């Protein structure tokens, strides 16, 4: 499977997870009112898109005979999910964001890997924030020979 096909497949899965595990604006409002009124909202489902999708991606690697590792340690933090070849070589690094996180882009650019994918569900993607890294288009962020493929959901 080509990386572009995989990217499309991941985008479809990410959209499904985002719809299922992200609270609606009404739920957010209701939870905020409850919390501000002094109620304990720990057991109320508030949305866990990032964690559920991260876990899914880790396990989804098996479909491609790859090894999925969650919270893969790198020099400046952790990559949300790393897919490795059976020989242990890094193959695809995934960062999942619900906002415009510059640190995530930096981590992806710093890691030694064949492919980098940034999955972003921010309401507004602020491309200008990422121009410090190099060339930015709607589909990718390019810094020399290092390319991050961008998935927006």
Foldseek 3Di string as FASTA:
>chain_A
DDPVVVLVVLLVVLVVLCVVFADDPVVVVVVVVCVVVPHDCPPPRHGDSLVVSLVVVQVCLVVVQWGKDAQPDDPQGGFGIWTHHPVRATEETEHEEAAADQVNVVVQQPDDYNAYEYEYAHPDHDQVVLCVQPDDDPQWDDRPPRIYGYRYD
